[in-house]
N, C-alpha and C. Protein backbone atom coordinates (compact mmCIF):
# COMPACT_ATOMS: atom_id res chain seq x y z
N MET A 1 217.10 -4.41 -11.74
CA MET A 1 217.95 -3.29 -11.04
C MET A 1 218.99 -4.10 -9.92
N THR A 2 220.07 -3.80 -10.27
CA THR A 2 221.20 -4.60 -9.20
C THR A 2 221.54 -3.55 -8.12
N ILE A 3 221.91 -4.02 -7.26
CA ILE A 3 222.43 -3.36 -6.03
C ILE A 3 223.72 -3.11 -6.12
N THR A 4 224.58 -3.87 -6.56
CA THR A 4 226.05 -3.96 -6.44
C THR A 4 226.38 -3.99 -8.08
N GLN A 5 227.62 -3.63 -8.00
CA GLN A 5 228.49 -3.60 -9.49
C GLN A 5 229.65 -4.12 -9.36
N GLN A 6 230.27 -4.75 -10.10
CA GLN A 6 231.73 -5.38 -10.12
C GLN A 6 232.51 -4.18 -10.90
N THR A 7 233.61 -4.06 -10.06
CA THR A 7 234.79 -3.11 -10.69
C THR A 7 235.97 -3.71 -11.04
N THR A 8 236.71 -3.27 -11.65
CA THR A 8 238.08 -3.78 -11.72
C THR A 8 239.24 -2.57 -11.24
N GLY A 9 240.40 -2.97 -11.12
CA GLY A 9 241.40 -2.25 -10.73
C GLY A 9 242.18 -3.11 -9.68
N PRO A 10 242.82 -2.37 -8.79
CA PRO A 10 244.00 -3.28 -8.12
C PRO A 10 243.57 -4.31 -7.56
N ARG A 11 242.51 -4.02 -6.70
CA ARG A 11 241.80 -5.37 -6.37
C ARG A 11 240.50 -5.96 -7.20
N GLU A 12 240.84 -7.13 -7.73
CA GLU A 12 239.93 -7.65 -8.75
C GLU A 12 238.79 -8.02 -8.24
N ASN A 13 237.83 -8.17 -8.91
CA ASN A 13 236.47 -8.68 -8.54
C ASN A 13 235.70 -8.14 -7.12
N ARG A 14 236.07 -6.67 -6.86
CA ARG A 14 235.68 -6.28 -5.74
C ARG A 14 234.47 -5.67 -6.07
N VAL A 15 233.13 -5.64 -4.82
CA VAL A 15 231.94 -5.45 -4.94
C VAL A 15 231.63 -3.92 -4.40
N VAL A 16 230.92 -3.25 -4.92
CA VAL A 16 230.63 -2.11 -4.40
C VAL A 16 229.43 -1.90 -4.24
N ASP A 17 228.95 -1.87 -2.99
CA ASP A 17 227.53 -1.67 -2.56
C ASP A 17 227.07 -0.46 -2.65
N ARG A 18 226.02 -0.08 -3.70
CA ARG A 18 225.72 1.16 -3.94
C ARG A 18 224.90 1.77 -2.81
N ALA A 19 223.96 1.06 -2.10
CA ALA A 19 223.26 1.48 -0.92
C ALA A 19 224.07 2.34 0.08
N GLN A 20 225.32 1.90 0.15
CA GLN A 20 226.16 2.62 1.31
C GLN A 20 226.47 3.84 0.87
N TYR A 21 226.32 4.17 -0.36
CA TYR A 21 226.46 5.89 -0.75
C TYR A 21 225.28 6.44 -0.36
N GLY A 22 224.22 5.70 -0.44
CA GLY A 22 222.77 6.39 0.12
C GLY A 22 222.90 6.73 1.47
N LEU A 23 223.52 5.83 2.29
CA LEU A 23 223.73 6.04 3.79
C LEU A 23 224.62 6.96 4.00
N ALA A 24 225.66 6.88 3.20
CA ALA A 24 226.78 8.25 3.63
C ALA A 24 225.96 9.51 2.89
N ALA A 25 225.32 9.58 2.06
CA ALA A 25 224.53 10.90 1.77
C ALA A 25 223.75 11.36 2.77
N GLY A 26 222.88 10.25 3.42
CA GLY A 26 222.14 10.69 4.53
C GLY A 26 222.84 11.27 5.81
N ILE A 27 223.95 10.53 6.29
CA ILE A 27 224.53 11.02 7.23
C ILE A 27 225.31 12.36 6.86
N GLY A 28 225.40 12.66 5.82
CA GLY A 28 226.03 13.83 5.48
C GLY A 28 225.30 14.83 5.49
N ILE A 29 224.01 14.67 5.15
CA ILE A 29 222.64 15.72 5.13
C ILE A 29 222.46 16.09 6.52
N ALA A 30 222.42 14.90 7.22
CA ALA A 30 222.15 14.84 8.72
C ALA A 30 223.22 16.06 9.48
N GLY A 31 224.70 15.79 9.03
CA GLY A 31 225.59 16.50 9.73
C GLY A 31 225.60 18.07 9.31
N ALA A 32 225.24 17.97 8.00
CA ALA A 32 225.41 19.27 7.61
C ALA A 32 224.10 20.22 8.05
N TYR A 33 222.85 19.42 8.36
CA TYR A 33 221.65 20.28 9.04
C TYR A 33 222.30 20.76 10.42
N VAL A 34 222.59 19.75 11.08
CA VAL A 34 223.07 19.84 12.25
C VAL A 34 224.12 21.15 12.61
N ILE A 35 225.09 21.28 11.73
CA ILE A 35 225.81 22.34 11.66
C ILE A 35 225.13 23.69 11.22
N TYR A 36 224.37 23.66 10.31
CA TYR A 36 223.41 24.89 10.00
C TYR A 36 222.67 25.19 11.05
N ASP A 37 221.94 24.44 11.83
CA ASP A 37 221.14 24.86 12.95
C ASP A 37 221.91 25.30 14.19
N ALA A 38 223.11 24.92 14.34
CA ALA A 38 224.16 25.32 15.30
C ALA A 38 224.38 26.69 15.11
N THR A 39 224.20 27.39 13.90
CA THR A 39 224.52 28.45 13.26
C THR A 39 223.34 29.46 13.68
N THR A 40 222.17 28.76 14.14
CA THR A 40 221.15 29.81 14.36
C THR A 40 220.72 29.96 15.90
N MET A 41 221.91 29.17 16.76
CA MET A 41 221.57 29.29 18.05
C MET A 41 222.23 30.59 18.76
N ARG A 42 221.81 30.79 19.61
CA ARG A 42 221.84 32.43 20.39
C ARG A 42 223.21 32.05 21.19
N LYS A 43 224.06 32.93 21.13
CA LYS A 43 225.50 33.18 22.26
C LYS A 43 224.95 32.69 23.35
N GLY A 44 225.75 32.16 24.04
CA GLY A 44 225.84 31.70 25.69
C GLY A 44 225.95 32.96 26.47
N PHE A 45 226.33 32.85 27.63
CA PHE A 45 226.82 33.83 28.55
C PHE A 45 228.22 33.99 28.24
N ALA A 46 228.81 35.08 27.95
CA ALA A 46 230.21 35.58 27.86
C ALA A 46 231.18 35.00 28.82
N ASP A 47 230.92 34.61 29.96
CA ASP A 47 231.93 34.11 30.84
C ASP A 47 232.23 32.48 30.86
N GLN A 48 231.23 31.95 29.82
CA GLN A 48 231.49 30.41 29.66
C GLN A 48 232.41 30.00 28.73
N THR A 49 233.33 29.19 29.18
CA THR A 49 234.51 28.86 28.52
C THR A 49 233.94 28.04 27.05
N VAL A 50 233.26 27.08 27.14
CA VAL A 50 232.44 26.39 26.06
C VAL A 50 231.08 26.84 25.80
N GLN A 51 230.90 27.43 24.66
CA GLN A 51 229.63 28.04 24.48
C GLN A 51 228.85 26.97 24.32
N PRO A 52 227.05 27.12 24.24
CA PRO A 52 226.44 26.15 23.98
C PRO A 52 226.26 25.33 22.47
N TYR A 53 226.87 26.50 21.52
CA TYR A 53 226.69 25.84 20.29
C TYR A 53 227.94 25.05 19.90
N ALA A 54 228.74 24.92 20.84
CA ALA A 54 230.15 24.13 20.41
C ALA A 54 229.83 22.70 20.16
N VAL A 55 228.93 22.08 21.03
CA VAL A 55 228.48 20.56 20.69
C VAL A 55 227.99 20.24 19.45
N PRO A 56 227.07 20.98 19.06
CA PRO A 56 226.29 20.73 17.82
C PRO A 56 227.26 20.98 16.77
N TYR A 57 228.25 22.08 16.52
CA TYR A 57 229.24 21.92 15.52
C TYR A 57 230.31 20.70 15.62
N VAL A 58 230.43 20.27 16.69
CA VAL A 58 231.41 19.10 16.97
C VAL A 58 230.64 17.63 16.44
N VAL A 59 229.33 17.67 16.84
CA VAL A 59 228.41 16.52 16.41
C VAL A 59 228.35 16.47 14.88
N GLY A 60 227.79 17.82 14.52
CA GLY A 60 227.67 17.89 12.76
C GLY A 60 228.72 17.87 12.02
N ALA A 61 230.34 18.38 12.62
CA ALA A 61 231.37 18.01 11.77
C ALA A 61 231.80 16.61 11.59
N THR A 62 231.44 15.77 13.16
CA THR A 62 231.73 14.32 13.21
C THR A 62 230.63 13.46 11.96
N LEU A 63 229.64 13.90 12.02
CA LEU A 63 228.68 13.18 10.91
C LEU A 63 229.21 13.42 9.81
N VAL A 64 229.59 14.66 9.35
CA VAL A 64 230.08 14.80 7.99
C VAL A 64 231.58 14.05 7.77
N LEU A 65 232.23 13.92 8.77
CA LEU A 65 233.57 13.27 8.52
C LEU A 65 233.13 11.71 8.25
N LEU A 66 232.49 11.15 9.21
CA LEU A 66 231.85 10.05 9.01
C LEU A 66 231.26 9.64 7.74
N ALA A 67 230.25 10.41 6.94
CA ALA A 67 229.97 10.18 5.72
C ALA A 67 231.08 10.13 4.88
N VAL A 68 231.96 11.01 5.07
CA VAL A 68 233.23 10.87 3.67
C VAL A 68 233.79 9.89 3.94
N LEU A 69 234.12 9.49 4.82
CA LEU A 69 234.86 8.01 5.30
C LEU A 69 234.06 6.80 4.96
N LEU A 70 232.74 6.77 5.05
CA LEU A 70 232.29 5.59 4.47
C LEU A 70 232.02 5.68 3.20
N ALA A 71 231.79 7.02 2.35
CA ALA A 71 231.81 6.89 0.99
C ALA A 71 233.38 6.60 0.36
N PHE A 72 234.57 6.59 0.95
CA PHE A 72 235.65 6.22 0.53
C PHE A 72 235.96 4.80 0.78
N ALA A 73 235.24 4.33 1.77
CA ALA A 73 235.28 2.88 2.17
C ALA A 73 234.68 2.23 1.23
N THR A 74 233.14 2.73 0.97
CA THR A 74 232.38 2.05 -0.12
C THR A 74 233.03 2.17 -1.54
N ALA A 75 233.92 2.96 -1.88
CA ALA A 75 234.48 3.40 -3.11
C ALA A 75 235.70 2.14 -3.28
N ARG A 76 236.43 2.06 -2.08
CA ARG A 76 237.22 1.30 -2.05
C ARG A 76 237.05 -0.38 -2.11
N GLY A 77 235.41 -0.62 -2.12
CA GLY A 77 234.96 -2.11 -2.03
C GLY A 77 234.77 -2.68 -0.72
N ASP A 78 234.99 -2.01 0.48
CA ASP A 78 234.52 -2.47 1.83
C ASP A 78 233.07 -2.84 1.96
N VAL A 79 232.76 -4.10 2.27
CA VAL A 79 231.36 -4.42 2.40
C VAL A 79 231.15 -4.67 3.86
N ALA A 80 230.04 -4.42 4.23
CA ALA A 80 229.86 -5.04 5.72
C ALA A 80 229.71 -6.61 5.88
N GLU A 81 230.25 -7.11 7.18
CA GLU A 81 229.99 -8.51 6.80
C GLU A 81 228.69 -8.83 7.44
N SER A 82 228.28 -10.02 6.95
CA SER A 82 226.96 -10.38 7.49
C SER A 82 226.98 -10.90 9.29
N GLU A 83 225.72 -10.97 9.60
CA GLU A 83 225.63 -11.67 10.98
C GLU A 83 226.30 -12.95 11.20
N GLU A 84 227.08 -12.97 12.18
CA GLU A 84 227.37 -14.87 12.32
C GLU A 84 227.27 -15.30 13.85
N GLY A 85 226.45 -14.43 14.41
CA GLY A 85 226.28 -14.49 15.75
C GLY A 85 225.71 -15.93 16.23
N GLU A 86 226.25 -16.67 17.07
CA GLU A 86 225.63 -17.80 17.57
C GLU A 86 224.10 -18.17 17.98
N ASP A 87 223.52 -16.90 18.30
CA ASP A 87 222.39 -17.13 18.93
C ASP A 87 221.49 -16.34 17.77
N VAL A 88 221.87 -16.09 16.44
CA VAL A 88 220.98 -15.68 15.41
C VAL A 88 220.93 -16.94 14.49
N ASP A 89 219.85 -17.30 14.09
CA ASP A 89 219.23 -18.21 13.17
C ASP A 89 219.16 -17.64 11.89
N LEU A 90 219.69 -17.29 10.84
CA LEU A 90 219.44 -16.70 9.81
C LEU A 90 218.40 -17.32 8.79
N THR A 91 218.20 -18.61 9.16
CA THR A 91 217.45 -19.40 8.27
C THR A 91 215.80 -19.07 8.47
N LYS A 92 215.63 -18.76 9.83
CA LYS A 92 214.22 -18.41 10.14
C LYS A 92 213.92 -17.00 9.73
N GLY A 93 212.51 -16.73 9.71
CA GLY A 93 211.95 -15.52 9.58
C GLY A 93 211.78 -14.63 11.05
N SER A 94 211.27 -13.62 10.98
CA SER A 94 210.94 -12.54 12.36
C SER A 94 209.68 -13.37 13.18
N ASP A 95 209.76 -13.21 14.25
CA ASP A 95 208.79 -13.76 15.20
C ASP A 95 207.87 -12.67 15.33
N TRP A 96 206.90 -12.51 14.47
CA TRP A 96 206.03 -11.42 14.44
C TRP A 96 205.22 -11.36 15.75
N VAL A 97 204.86 -12.41 16.30
CA VAL A 97 204.05 -12.79 17.63
C VAL A 97 204.58 -11.84 18.78
N THR A 98 205.88 -12.04 18.68
CA THR A 98 206.60 -11.62 19.96
C THR A 98 206.64 -10.06 19.80
N VAL A 99 206.95 -9.65 18.38
CA VAL A 99 206.92 -7.97 18.20
C VAL A 99 205.62 -7.48 18.59
N GLY A 100 204.63 -8.32 18.04
CA GLY A 100 203.04 -7.93 18.36
C GLY A 100 203.14 -7.60 19.90
N LYS A 101 203.26 -8.46 20.90
CA LYS A 101 203.34 -8.60 22.10
C LYS A 101 204.04 -7.62 22.77
N LEU A 102 205.62 -7.33 22.52
CA LEU A 102 206.09 -6.09 22.85
C LEU A 102 205.67 -4.72 22.62
N VAL A 103 204.97 -4.81 21.17
CA VAL A 103 204.27 -3.29 20.68
C VAL A 103 203.04 -3.26 21.90
N ALA A 104 202.21 -4.41 22.16
CA ALA A 104 201.05 -4.14 23.01
C ALA A 104 201.68 -3.72 24.35
N VAL A 105 202.72 -4.42 24.96
CA VAL A 105 203.15 -3.96 26.07
C VAL A 105 203.59 -2.35 26.15
N PHE A 106 204.45 -1.73 25.20
CA PHE A 106 204.45 -0.68 24.86
C PHE A 106 203.54 0.41 25.03
N VAL A 107 202.27 0.00 23.95
CA VAL A 107 201.28 0.89 24.03
C VAL A 107 200.43 1.00 25.30
N LEU A 108 200.56 0.07 25.99
CA LEU A 108 199.85 -0.05 27.31
C LEU A 108 200.59 0.74 28.25
N ASN A 109 201.71 0.55 28.43
CA ASN A 109 202.68 1.61 29.03
C ASN A 109 202.18 3.05 28.47
N LEU A 110 202.20 3.44 27.18
CA LEU A 110 201.82 4.87 27.04
C LEU A 110 200.35 5.34 27.56
N ALA A 111 199.45 4.29 27.55
CA ALA A 111 198.06 4.60 27.57
C ALA A 111 197.83 4.80 29.31
N LEU A 112 198.84 4.29 29.98
CA LEU A 112 198.53 4.31 31.45
C LEU A 112 199.50 4.94 32.23
N ILE A 113 200.48 5.57 31.38
CA ILE A 113 201.41 6.50 32.45
C ILE A 113 200.93 7.45 33.07
N ASN A 114 200.07 8.04 32.49
CA ASN A 114 199.36 9.49 33.08
C ASN A 114 198.64 9.10 34.17
N TRP A 115 197.83 8.04 34.29
CA TRP A 115 196.99 7.82 35.21
C TRP A 115 197.84 7.01 36.46
N LEU A 116 198.40 6.08 36.09
CA LEU A 116 199.15 5.26 37.03
C LEU A 116 200.55 5.69 37.55
N GLY A 117 200.95 6.61 36.51
CA GLY A 117 202.43 7.02 36.97
C GLY A 117 203.55 6.07 36.68
N TRP A 118 204.81 6.65 36.47
CA TRP A 118 205.82 6.01 35.92
C TRP A 118 205.96 5.06 37.16
N ALA A 119 206.29 5.09 38.17
CA ALA A 119 206.50 4.08 39.16
C ALA A 119 205.91 2.74 38.88
N ILE A 120 204.37 2.69 38.64
CA ILE A 120 203.75 1.56 38.60
C ILE A 120 203.90 1.38 37.04
N THR A 121 203.80 1.96 36.05
CA THR A 121 203.85 1.45 34.40
C THR A 121 205.20 0.96 34.40
N GLY A 122 206.33 1.77 34.82
CA GLY A 122 207.50 1.28 34.68
C GLY A 122 207.96 -0.12 35.14
N ALA A 123 207.23 -0.59 36.24
CA ALA A 123 207.19 -1.69 36.59
C ALA A 123 206.57 -2.76 35.99
N LEU A 124 205.42 -2.39 35.47
CA LEU A 124 204.91 -3.11 34.48
C LEU A 124 205.50 -3.58 33.03
N LEU A 125 205.81 -2.23 32.37
CA LEU A 125 206.51 -2.40 31.27
C LEU A 125 207.90 -3.32 31.30
N PHE A 126 208.62 -3.16 32.31
CA PHE A 126 209.75 -4.03 32.67
C PHE A 126 209.26 -5.67 32.72
N ALA A 127 208.44 -6.12 33.62
CA ALA A 127 207.80 -7.43 33.81
C ALA A 127 207.16 -7.68 32.53
N GLY A 128 206.31 -6.92 31.69
CA GLY A 128 205.70 -7.60 30.59
C GLY A 128 206.53 -7.70 29.67
N THR A 129 207.70 -6.90 29.40
CA THR A 129 208.99 -7.18 28.22
C THR A 129 209.51 -8.39 28.77
N ALA A 130 209.93 -8.44 30.03
CA ALA A 130 210.75 -9.57 30.41
C ALA A 130 210.02 -10.82 30.28
N HIS A 131 208.61 -10.88 30.45
CA HIS A 131 207.82 -12.31 30.16
C HIS A 131 207.71 -12.60 28.66
N VAL A 132 207.25 -11.58 27.98
CA VAL A 132 207.33 -11.77 26.66
C VAL A 132 208.85 -12.26 25.86
N LEU A 133 209.80 -12.09 26.37
CA LEU A 133 211.00 -12.23 26.08
C LEU A 133 211.49 -13.61 26.72
N GLY A 134 210.65 -14.12 27.47
CA GLY A 134 210.96 -15.76 28.09
C GLY A 134 211.59 -15.59 29.68
N ALA A 135 211.25 -14.49 30.50
CA ALA A 135 211.26 -14.46 31.67
C ALA A 135 210.51 -15.86 32.54
N ARG A 136 211.03 -16.41 33.32
CA ARG A 136 210.60 -17.57 34.05
C ARG A 136 209.42 -17.08 35.18
N SER A 137 209.87 -16.25 35.80
CA SER A 137 209.13 -15.82 37.13
C SER A 137 208.46 -14.35 37.02
N ILE A 138 207.24 -14.12 36.95
CA ILE A 138 206.62 -12.70 36.74
C ILE A 138 206.67 -11.75 37.90
N VAL A 139 206.67 -12.53 39.31
CA VAL A 139 207.08 -11.95 40.48
C VAL A 139 208.43 -11.35 40.39
N ARG A 140 209.37 -12.12 40.35
CA ARG A 140 210.80 -11.46 40.25
C ARG A 140 210.86 -10.47 39.06
N SER A 141 210.13 -10.35 38.26
CA SER A 141 210.29 -9.37 37.06
C SER A 141 209.51 -8.12 37.62
N LEU A 142 208.48 -8.43 38.28
CA LEU A 142 207.79 -7.37 38.78
C LEU A 142 208.46 -6.63 39.97
N ALA A 143 209.30 -7.29 40.75
CA ALA A 143 210.15 -6.82 41.78
C ALA A 143 211.18 -5.86 41.14
N ILE A 144 211.87 -6.39 40.31
CA ILE A 144 212.78 -5.81 39.74
C ILE A 144 212.49 -4.74 38.96
N GLY A 145 211.37 -4.78 38.23
CA GLY A 145 210.85 -3.62 37.55
C GLY A 145 210.33 -2.57 38.64
N ALA A 146 209.99 -2.84 39.76
CA ALA A 146 209.67 -1.95 40.54
C ALA A 146 210.84 -1.20 41.20
N VAL A 147 211.70 -1.87 41.65
CA VAL A 147 213.04 -1.21 42.12
C VAL A 147 213.64 -0.13 41.06
N LEU A 148 213.68 -0.82 39.53
CA LEU A 148 214.14 0.10 38.57
C LEU A 148 213.25 1.39 38.29
N SER A 149 212.09 1.16 38.33
CA SER A 149 211.27 2.35 37.85
C SER A 149 211.04 3.37 39.14
N VAL A 150 211.12 2.81 40.19
CA VAL A 150 210.84 3.83 41.24
C VAL A 150 212.28 4.59 41.41
N GLY A 151 213.36 3.76 41.36
CA GLY A 151 214.87 4.28 41.41
C GLY A 151 214.97 5.41 40.11
N THR A 152 214.69 4.91 39.13
CA THR A 152 214.85 5.93 37.86
C THR A 152 213.79 7.28 38.18
N TRP A 153 212.39 6.79 38.77
CA TRP A 153 211.64 8.18 39.05
C TRP A 153 212.40 9.27 40.07
N TYR A 154 213.07 8.70 41.15
CA TYR A 154 213.52 9.20 42.02
C TYR A 154 214.94 10.09 41.42
N GLY A 155 215.50 9.19 40.77
CA GLY A 155 216.92 9.87 39.87
C GLY A 155 216.45 10.97 39.16
N PHE A 156 215.26 11.08 38.07
CA PHE A 156 214.91 12.07 37.49
C PHE A 156 214.48 13.38 38.14
N TYR A 157 213.58 13.05 39.23
CA TYR A 157 212.87 13.97 39.87
C TYR A 157 214.00 14.59 41.01
N SER A 158 214.64 13.91 41.88
CA SER A 158 215.54 14.53 42.71
C SER A 158 216.59 14.98 42.24
N GLY A 159 217.21 13.84 41.36
CA GLY A 159 218.61 14.30 40.81
C GLY A 159 218.80 15.15 39.61
N LEU A 160 217.80 14.88 38.77
CA LEU A 160 217.71 16.15 37.68
C LEU A 160 216.78 16.75 37.48
N GLY A 161 215.92 17.12 38.44
CA GLY A 161 214.87 17.92 38.73
C GLY A 161 213.72 18.06 37.55
N LEU A 162 213.56 16.63 37.00
CA LEU A 162 212.70 16.73 35.85
C LEU A 162 211.50 15.70 36.37
N ALA A 163 210.35 16.38 36.22
CA ALA A 163 209.14 15.73 36.55
C ALA A 163 208.68 14.60 35.44
N ILE A 164 208.55 13.29 36.37
CA ILE A 164 207.91 12.54 35.58
C ILE A 164 206.48 11.79 36.22
N PRO A 165 205.45 11.70 35.57
CA PRO A 165 204.16 11.32 36.14
C PRO A 165 204.35 10.39 37.15
N ALA A 166 203.88 10.87 38.47
CA ALA A 166 203.72 10.02 39.40
C ALA A 166 202.40 9.25 39.59
N GLY A 167 201.27 9.80 38.80
CA GLY A 167 200.05 9.41 38.65
C GLY A 167 199.33 9.16 40.08
N ILE A 168 199.15 7.83 40.26
CA ILE A 168 197.89 7.94 41.56
C ILE A 168 199.05 7.69 42.88
N LEU A 169 200.30 7.54 42.47
CA LEU A 169 201.00 7.31 43.73
C LEU A 169 201.67 9.28 43.97
N ASP A 170 201.05 10.08 43.51
CA ASP A 170 201.37 11.53 43.79
C ASP A 170 201.13 11.88 45.14
N GLY A 171 202.39 12.27 45.74
CA GLY A 171 201.95 12.57 47.16
C GLY A 171 202.81 11.53 47.86
N VAL A 172 202.58 10.41 47.66
CA VAL A 172 203.21 9.16 48.11
C VAL A 172 204.79 9.12 47.74
N LEU A 173 205.23 9.46 46.52
CA LEU A 173 206.48 9.14 46.13
C LEU A 173 207.30 10.46 46.65
């Protein structure tokens, strides 16, 4: 089973990556579903200039347009370029130990967030992730994490009116 096929035409020896057609189909289906789902939304208030269903129509139409453009680009033989970043060594495999440690940090955050609250677990999440990825100072990572998590907690709670778990700091924050 081959992934690519050679075609002939104005551009000799062009390669068509058939997997991109699958991606285009997936994007098109997602866009069509978003448009369909927008048709099921209720009308907003009559005095609103832009009704609530306008945004899903724009997003769905954009997805369908991108799917069509990707299909045309694929038919023309356009192929994505491979990664050539200086910080990526393509000869080495994935570092599954690091991935496992990151998953453990995220699972720990999920397990503790209702009890300890976001202000504490957010700081632990930042510090743990920074440590796994090579941060040298755990104290600095904890301090930065604490500032970010308390700041985001107040941003969501006060600024947006969304309740994020306060945990054991309920009444303090």
